[in-house]
Amino acid sequence: MPLKHQFPAAALLLLAFVPGVCPAQATSPAAQTGKSTSPGATSHSGSPASSASSGLPASGPSTGPDCAIAPCDDTPQHIAAVNPPPPAPAPWSLPERLKWMAEMLLMVIAAAFAWMTFSALHKIERQTRYSEETAQAAVEAARAALLFAESQARAERPWILVSPSPMPGSGDSFSIMATNRGRNPARIVTLAECIAIAKDETELPADPLFKTEPRAPLAPILLLPGESANIKSFSREEVKSVCESPDEVRRIEEWEEKIYLYGNVVYTDLAGSGKTAYETGWCCWYIHGRQKSGMIMAGPPEYNRHT
């Protein structure tokens, strides 16, 4: 074939081959190191292959994927980004190590102190609870001992009880007897008595009222356990002297009104110190009939109080 016909064919072949080489140069590491991977590369200095092997960019216009039709004026260079390695941590100095050890030691001491404080508070609370329980038990024991002592004292003290009793040989005369039912002898200190006429117990004063002041007995009265003494007597003949009129005597005989005898006895323990005084109240109803009479214990609780 003539030379003038071969040159256009070679130019067309080169134009068809170069678009496939440009992408390889942009992406292949071999193209960056100057190694030619194109089988059609020549050794001419003006060819693209010789420029790639020398590591320098081509001086003439080059083609690429975006320059398939016209030559590109500037070919972009491939730049590889390299991240620098992280810096190595600086070694601890001696003052920093000592500071860290001191902080850790303080934390350990604070934790130990907090634990000891909590343990001490728990022990104090438990001890306080035990102390309260012990104090409560002691109070209960003291109360029980006091009640026992009081019961023993009441059991050993004298007790004077008052009750009516008919006089021997007379069915209409009665004696009011004071009897010592306790375990120690008693000495009667004062006596008080009064007579009242009322329809029933509800008309009596709320508290016993005495027309005369309590008096000491004419002769000292000492009562051993089980002994009795007469502190008041009343007979049928005294009814008229108590009543103010015959009509009142009639009302008493018909039980429209009643005769009440009441009083109190103050006594002390002869075997004890004698400073503690006890009192026994009593109240009796004298039942006055047309033919016979009687006497029984009666009256509100305030009139029969015992201390």
Protein backbone atom coordinates (compact mmCIF):
# COMPACT_ATOMS: atom_id res chain seq x y z
CA MET A 1 0.00 0.00 0.00
CA PRO A 2 1.43 3.46 -0.68
CA LEU A 3 2.76 5.51 2.24
CA LYS A 4 0.28 8.29 1.87
CA HIS A 5 -2.52 5.76 2.37
CA GLN A 6 -0.78 4.06 5.37
CA PHE A 7 -0.41 7.27 7.40
CA PRO A 8 -4.16 8.05 7.66
CA ALA A 9 -4.82 4.44 8.66
CA ALA A 10 -2.20 4.61 11.43
CA ALA A 11 -3.66 7.87 12.69
CA LEU A 12 -7.14 6.34 12.83
CA LEU A 13 -5.75 3.27 14.65
CA LEU A 14 -4.01 5.50 17.19
CA LEU A 15 -7.16 7.52 17.80
CA ALA A 16 -9.11 4.33 18.40
CA PHE A 17 -6.48 2.93 20.82
CA VAL A 18 -5.73 6.02 22.98
CA PRO A 19 -9.24 6.35 24.65
CA GLY A 20 -8.70 2.93 26.24
CA VAL A 21 -5.25 3.82 27.55
CA CYS A 22 -6.15 7.13 29.27
CA PRO A 23 -8.48 5.58 31.91
CA ALA A 24 -5.84 3.00 32.67
CA GLN A 25 -3.29 5.74 33.29
CA ALA A 26 -5.69 7.58 35.63
CA THR A 27 -6.62 4.54 37.77
CA SER A 28 -3.83 1.98 37.40
CA PRO A 29 -0.88 2.16 39.83
CA ALA A 30 1.36 0.92 37.07
CA ALA A 31 0.63 4.07 35.07
CA GLN A 32 1.65 6.28 38.06
CA THR A 33 4.99 4.45 38.52
CA GLY A 34 5.91 4.86 34.89
CA LYS A 35 5.32 1.25 33.87
CA SER A 36 3.49 0.90 30.60
CA THR A 37 0.62 -1.59 30.47
CA SER A 38 -0.41 -0.80 26.95
CA PRO A 39 0.77 -3.32 24.41
CA GLY A 40 0.83 -0.60 21.76
CA ALA A 41 3.28 1.71 23.58
CA THR A 42 6.34 2.80 21.50
CA SER A 43 9.77 4.05 22.45
CA HIS A 44 9.42 7.38 20.73
CA SER A 45 9.94 10.39 23.03
CA GLY A 46 6.85 12.17 21.80
CA SER A 47 4.49 9.24 22.37
CA PRO A 48 2.29 8.84 25.42
CA ALA A 49 4.01 5.63 26.41
CA SER A 50 7.43 7.26 26.68
CA SER A 51 6.00 10.05 28.78
CA ALA A 52 4.37 7.58 31.18
CA SER A 53 7.56 5.53 31.54
CA SER A 54 9.59 8.62 32.48
CA GLY A 55 7.11 9.55 35.31
CA LEU A 56 6.43 13.02 33.84
CA PRO A 57 3.20 14.24 32.38
CA ALA A 58 2.83 14.22 28.64
CA SER A 59 3.82 17.45 26.99
CA GLY A 60 1.38 17.21 24.21
CA PRO A 61 -2.37 17.10 24.34
CA SER A 62 -3.80 13.88 25.72
CA THR A 63 -7.13 12.27 25.59
CA GLY A 64 -9.24 10.71 28.29
CA PRO A 65 -12.76 9.48 28.93
CA ASP A 66 -14.02 13.03 28.86
CA CYS A 67 -11.82 13.94 25.90
CA ALA A 68 -12.90 11.32 23.42
CA ILE A 69 -13.63 13.82 20.71
CA ALA A 70 -11.15 16.65 21.37
CA PRO A 71 -7.81 16.65 23.15
CA CYS A 72 -7.77 17.74 26.82
CA ASP A 73 -5.58 20.68 27.79
CA ASP A 74 -5.01 19.52 31.41
CA THR A 75 -4.98 15.99 32.77
CA PRO A 76 -5.97 15.73 36.53
CA GLN A 77 -3.28 14.28 38.72
CA HIS A 78 -4.01 11.39 41.17
CA ILE A 79 -3.33 12.51 44.75
CA ALA A 80 -3.21 9.84 47.46
CA ALA A 81 -4.35 11.11 50.92
CA VAL A 82 -2.16 9.83 53.76
CA ASN A 83 -3.50 10.12 57.42
CA PRO A 84 -0.75 10.81 59.91
CA PRO A 85 -0.43 8.26 62.75
CA PRO A 86 -1.91 9.27 66.16
CA PRO A 87 0.60 10.77 68.51
CA ALA A 88 1.89 8.46 71.23
CA PRO A 89 0.67 9.25 74.78
CA ALA A 90 3.14 11.13 76.84
CA PRO A 91 4.54 9.09 79.75
CA TRP A 92 3.41 10.00 83.33
CA SER A 93 5.81 12.06 85.30
CA LEU A 94 6.65 11.24 88.90
CA PRO A 95 4.57 14.11 90.39
CA GLU A 96 1.52 12.99 88.42
CA ARG A 97 1.95 9.42 89.62
CA LEU A 98 2.30 10.58 93.22
CA LYS A 99 -0.80 12.79 92.85
CA TRP A 100 -2.84 9.87 91.48
CA MET A 101 -1.68 7.59 94.30
CA ALA A 102 -2.58 10.26 96.88
CA GLU A 103 -6.08 10.68 95.39
CA MET A 104 -6.68 6.93 95.39
CA LEU A 105 -5.45 6.70 98.99
CA LEU A 106 -7.81 9.51 100.02
CA MET A 107 -10.73 7.76 98.31
CA VAL A 108 -9.93 4.50 100.14
CA ILE A 109 -9.66 6.33 103.47
CA ALA A 110 -12.96 8.16 102.83
CA ALA A 111 -14.71 4.89 101.95
CA ALA A 112 -13.33 3.19 105.08
CA PHE A 113 -14.37 6.15 107.24
CA ALA A 114 -17.90 6.11 105.74
CA TRP A 115 -18.19 2.37 106.40
CA MET A 116 -16.98 2.79 109.98
CA THR A 117 -19.43 5.67 110.53
CA PHE A 118 -22.35 3.66 109.17
CA SER A 119 -21.37 0.65 111.29
CA ALA A 120 -21.08 2.83 114.41
CA LEU A 121 -24.47 4.45 113.77
CA HIS A 122 -26.04 1.03 113.28
CA LYS A 123 -24.51 -0.20 116.54
CA ILE A 124 -25.68 2.94 118.36
CA GLU A 125 -29.20 2.49 117.04
CA ARG A 126 -29.25 -1.15 118.07
CA GLN A 127 -27.83 -0.31 121.50
CA THR A 128 -30.43 2.45 121.92
CA ARG A 129 -33.20 0.03 121.05
CA TYR A 130 -31.85 -2.50 123.54
CA SER A 131 -31.59 0.23 126.17
CA GLU A 132 -35.19 1.29 125.56
CA GLU A 133 -36.36 -2.31 125.81
CA THR A 134 -34.34 -2.78 129.00
CA ALA A 135 -35.72 0.44 130.48
CA GLN A 136 -39.26 -0.58 129.56
CA ALA A 137 -38.71 -3.99 131.14
CA ALA A 138 -37.32 -2.31 134.25
CA VAL A 139 -40.36 -0.02 134.43
CA GLU A 140 -42.68 -3.00 134.08
CA ALA A 141 -40.74 -4.89 136.76
CA ALA A 142 -40.85 -1.87 139.08
CA ARG A 143 -44.58 -1.48 138.50
CA ALA A 144 -45.13 -5.16 139.20
CA ALA A 145 -42.99 -4.93 142.35
CA LEU A 146 -44.94 -1.88 143.49
CA LEU A 147 -48.25 -3.61 142.90
CA PHE A 148 -46.98 -6.65 144.78
CA ALA A 149 -45.79 -4.49 147.68
CA GLU A 150 -49.11 -2.66 147.75
CA SER A 151 -51.01 -5.93 147.69
CA GLN A 152 -48.81 -7.26 150.49
CA ALA A 153 -49.35 -4.08 152.46
CA ARG A 154 -53.09 -4.29 151.94
CA ALA A 155 -53.05 -7.92 152.93
CA GLU A 156 -51.09 -7.18 156.12
CA ARG A 157 -52.86 -3.96 157.11
CA PRO A 158 -55.90 -3.86 159.41
CA TRP A 159 -59.34 -3.71 157.79
CA ILE A 160 -62.26 -2.42 159.85
CA LEU A 161 -65.71 -3.30 158.60
CA VAL A 162 -68.96 -2.03 160.13
CA SER A 163 -72.17 -4.04 160.35
CA PRO A 164 -75.38 -3.96 162.50
CA SER A 165 -76.03 -6.63 165.04
CA PRO A 166 -79.08 -7.13 167.36
CA MET A 167 -78.44 -6.74 171.05
CA PRO A 168 -78.70 -9.94 173.00
CA GLY A 169 -82.07 -10.27 174.81
CA SER A 170 -83.77 -7.52 172.80
CA GLY A 171 -85.25 -7.86 169.35
CA ASP A 172 -85.79 -4.12 168.80
CA SER A 173 -82.35 -2.78 169.84
CA PHE A 174 -79.31 -2.93 167.58
CA SER A 175 -75.61 -2.28 167.88
CA ILE A 176 -73.40 -1.04 165.10
CA MET A 177 -70.21 -3.07 165.42
CA ALA A 178 -66.73 -2.26 164.05
CA THR A 179 -64.77 -5.46 163.38
CA ASN A 180 -61.11 -5.77 162.44
CA ARG A 181 -60.92 -8.15 159.46
CA GLY A 182 -57.24 -7.48 158.71
CA ARG A 183 -54.03 -9.15 159.86
CA ASN A 184 -52.63 -6.37 162.04
CA PRO A 185 -54.15 -4.70 165.08
CA ALA A 186 -55.93 -1.36 164.57
CA ARG A 187 -56.44 1.70 166.72
CA ILE A 188 -59.59 3.77 166.19
CA VAL A 189 -58.71 7.47 166.04
CA THR A 190 -62.05 9.27 165.46
CA LEU A 191 -65.75 8.43 165.15
CA ALA A 192 -68.54 10.33 163.37
CA GLU A 193 -72.27 9.58 163.20
CA CYS A 194 -75.55 11.14 162.12
CA ILE A 195 -79.26 10.26 161.73
CA ALA A 196 -81.39 11.34 158.76
CA ILE A 197 -85.01 10.77 157.71
CA ALA A 198 -85.78 10.50 153.98
CA LYS A 199 -88.16 8.74 151.63
CA ASP A 200 -85.36 6.67 150.11
CA GLU A 201 -81.62 6.71 149.46
CA THR A 202 -81.91 9.10 146.52
CA GLU A 203 -83.00 11.92 148.85
CA LEU A 204 -79.90 11.65 150.98
CA PRO A 205 -77.13 14.24 150.38
CA ALA A 206 -74.62 13.27 147.73
CA ASP A 207 -71.82 13.26 150.34
CA PRO A 208 -72.32 12.38 154.00
CA LEU A 209 -73.02 15.48 156.12
CA PHE A 210 -72.38 15.39 159.86
CA LYS A 211 -73.99 17.74 162.32
CA THR A 212 -71.06 17.39 164.73
CA GLU A 213 -67.33 17.16 164.15
CA PRO A 214 -65.66 13.71 164.30
CA ARG A 215 -64.65 12.92 167.87
CA ALA A 216 -62.16 10.61 169.48
CA PRO A 217 -63.65 7.69 171.43
CA LEU A 218 -64.02 8.21 175.18
CA ALA A 219 -61.75 5.23 175.77
CA PRO A 220 -59.06 4.12 173.36
CA ILE A 221 -60.34 1.35 171.13
CA LEU A 222 -57.73 -1.20 170.04
CA LEU A 223 -58.92 -4.03 167.86
CA LEU A 224 -56.86 -7.13 167.31
CA PRO A 225 -57.51 -9.20 164.17
CA GLY A 226 -61.02 -10.66 164.52
CA GLU A 227 -62.10 -8.44 167.44
CA SER A 228 -65.19 -6.15 167.40
CA ALA A 229 -66.31 -3.04 169.25
CA ASN A 230 -69.70 -1.29 169.59
CA ILE A 231 -69.54 2.22 168.12
CA LYS A 232 -73.28 3.03 167.97
CA SER A 233 -76.54 1.72 169.47
CA PHE A 234 -80.14 2.37 168.44
CA SER A 235 -83.41 1.03 169.83
CA ARG A 236 -87.14 1.30 169.15
CA GLU A 237 -87.64 3.79 171.97
CA GLU A 238 -85.38 6.30 170.22
CA VAL A 239 -87.64 6.57 167.17
CA LYS A 240 -89.94 9.11 168.84
CA SER A 241 -86.99 11.23 169.90
CA VAL A 242 -85.71 11.29 166.33
CA CYS A 243 -89.09 12.19 164.80
CA GLU A 244 -90.34 15.73 165.08
CA SER A 245 -94.08 14.87 165.22
CA PRO A 246 -96.45 11.92 165.68
CA ASP A 247 -97.38 12.23 162.01
CA GLU A 248 -93.74 11.63 161.09
CA VAL A 249 -93.70 8.55 163.38
CA ARG A 250 -96.77 7.26 161.50
CA ARG A 251 -95.10 7.77 158.12
CA ILE A 252 -92.07 5.86 159.36
CA GLU A 253 -94.24 3.00 160.64
CA GLU A 254 -96.00 2.85 157.26
CA TRP A 255 -92.60 3.00 155.47
CA GLU A 256 -93.48 6.23 153.74
CA GLU A 257 -90.21 7.55 155.21
CA LYS A 258 -87.13 5.78 156.50
CA ILE A 259 -84.57 6.32 159.24
CA TYR A 260 -80.96 6.21 158.11
CA LEU A 261 -77.97 6.03 160.47
CA TYR A 262 -74.58 6.72 158.88
CA GLY A 263 -71.06 7.61 159.98
CA ASN A 264 -67.39 6.83 159.50
CA VAL A 265 -64.46 5.36 161.42
CA VAL A 266 -60.86 6.60 161.08
CA TYR A 267 -58.18 4.19 162.29
CA THR A 268 -54.45 3.49 161.95
CA ASP A 269 -52.20 0.44 161.89
CA LEU A 270 -51.04 -0.23 165.40
CA ALA A 271 -48.15 -2.43 164.25
CA GLY A 272 -46.96 0.12 161.64
CA SER A 273 -45.76 3.67 161.93
CA GLY A 274 -49.24 4.95 162.70
CA LYS A 275 -48.90 7.83 160.22
CA THR A 276 -51.20 6.34 157.59
CA ALA A 277 -54.87 6.73 158.45
CA TYR A 278 -57.63 4.60 156.95
CA GLU A 279 -61.32 5.36 156.81
CA THR A 280 -64.42 3.19 156.73
CA GLY A 281 -67.86 4.64 155.99
CA TRP A 282 -71.09 2.97 156.94
CA CYS A 283 -74.83 3.49 156.51
CA CYS A 284 -77.74 1.50 157.98
CA TRP A 285 -81.51 1.56 157.51
CA TYR A 286 -83.51 1.13 160.68
CA ILE A 287 -86.70 -0.70 159.69
CA HIS A 288 -89.39 0.39 162.13
CA GLY A 289 -92.58 -1.67 162.09
CA ARG A 290 -95.70 -1.64 164.22
CA GLN A 291 -94.65 -4.68 166.17
CA LYS A 292 -91.06 -5.51 165.24
CA SER A 293 -88.01 -3.61 164.05
CA GLY A 294 -84.85 -4.43 162.15
CA MET A 295 -81.64 -2.90 160.81
CA ILE A 296 -79.72 -3.63 157.58
CA MET A 297 -76.84 -2.07 155.63
CA ALA A 298 -78.04 0.47 153.04
CA GLY A 299 -77.18 3.83 151.51
CA PRO A 300 -75.32 5.03 148.39
CA PRO A 301 -71.74 3.91 147.67
CA GLU A 302 -70.36 7.25 148.92
CA TYR A 303 -71.72 6.40 152.35
CA ASN A 304 -70.00 2.97 152.41
CA ARG A 305 -66.56 3.99 151.18
CA HIS A 306 -63.43 2.15 152.37
CA THR A 307 -59.83 3.37 152.12
